[in-house]
Amino acid sequence: MTNADTVGATDTTDTADTADTADTAGTDTGRRLRFALLNGLNMTNLGRRDRNIYGSIASLQALEDLVTEVGDTVGADVTAFHSNHEGDLVDFLEANPDMDGYIINPGGLWAFGDPTRIALEETGKPFVEVHFANIFATGHLSTFTQSCDATVMGLRHHGYLGAVVALAASVRAPAMKP
């Protein structure tokens, strides 16, 4: 099954046209961007969770494949990492300082994931927080929101796609002077 099958869409782009762009797209030095996709607690249950909240994505692997595919089209190599243990997420961040940016769905860590949030801050790189559901609608606030560059909520797996495209554009954009 392809990612297009997983999300119910069909890819109609000519891969020969996009391949040249993706190979050369990246930073102003011409290299490809490097992003880490971090998924926290309870994300391995994708595909078995409430479809009204989590949508049609079949599995965590399908989500990671989809984000990697979209990353490739915008000139970004995506390294996916998942753990149900916060220390593993912090270890990953400390072991991978060469990333240009991060996309994180903290899962259950949204309420108490200060060590992961601090580790993300200490990278000095931009990061986007994503959630399948709009957790703010329940009256809850995420510990990550205070530090992230952007938050995408309530768009199911589509939020991840917007996050990778926007993060790539943001990293490539020249810094604005105050």
Foldseek 3Di string as FASTA:
>chain_A
DALCVQQVHDDPDDVVVQQVVLCQAPAPVRAFAEEEEEEEAPQQCPLVDDCVQQNRHNGPVSLQNVLQVLSSSRNYHYHYDYDHDLVVLLVVLVVCLPHQEYEYARVVCQQPNVSNLVSRVVSVHAYEYEESADVVVVVDGGPNVVPHPYYYHNNRSVSSSVRSNVSRVVSRDDDDDD
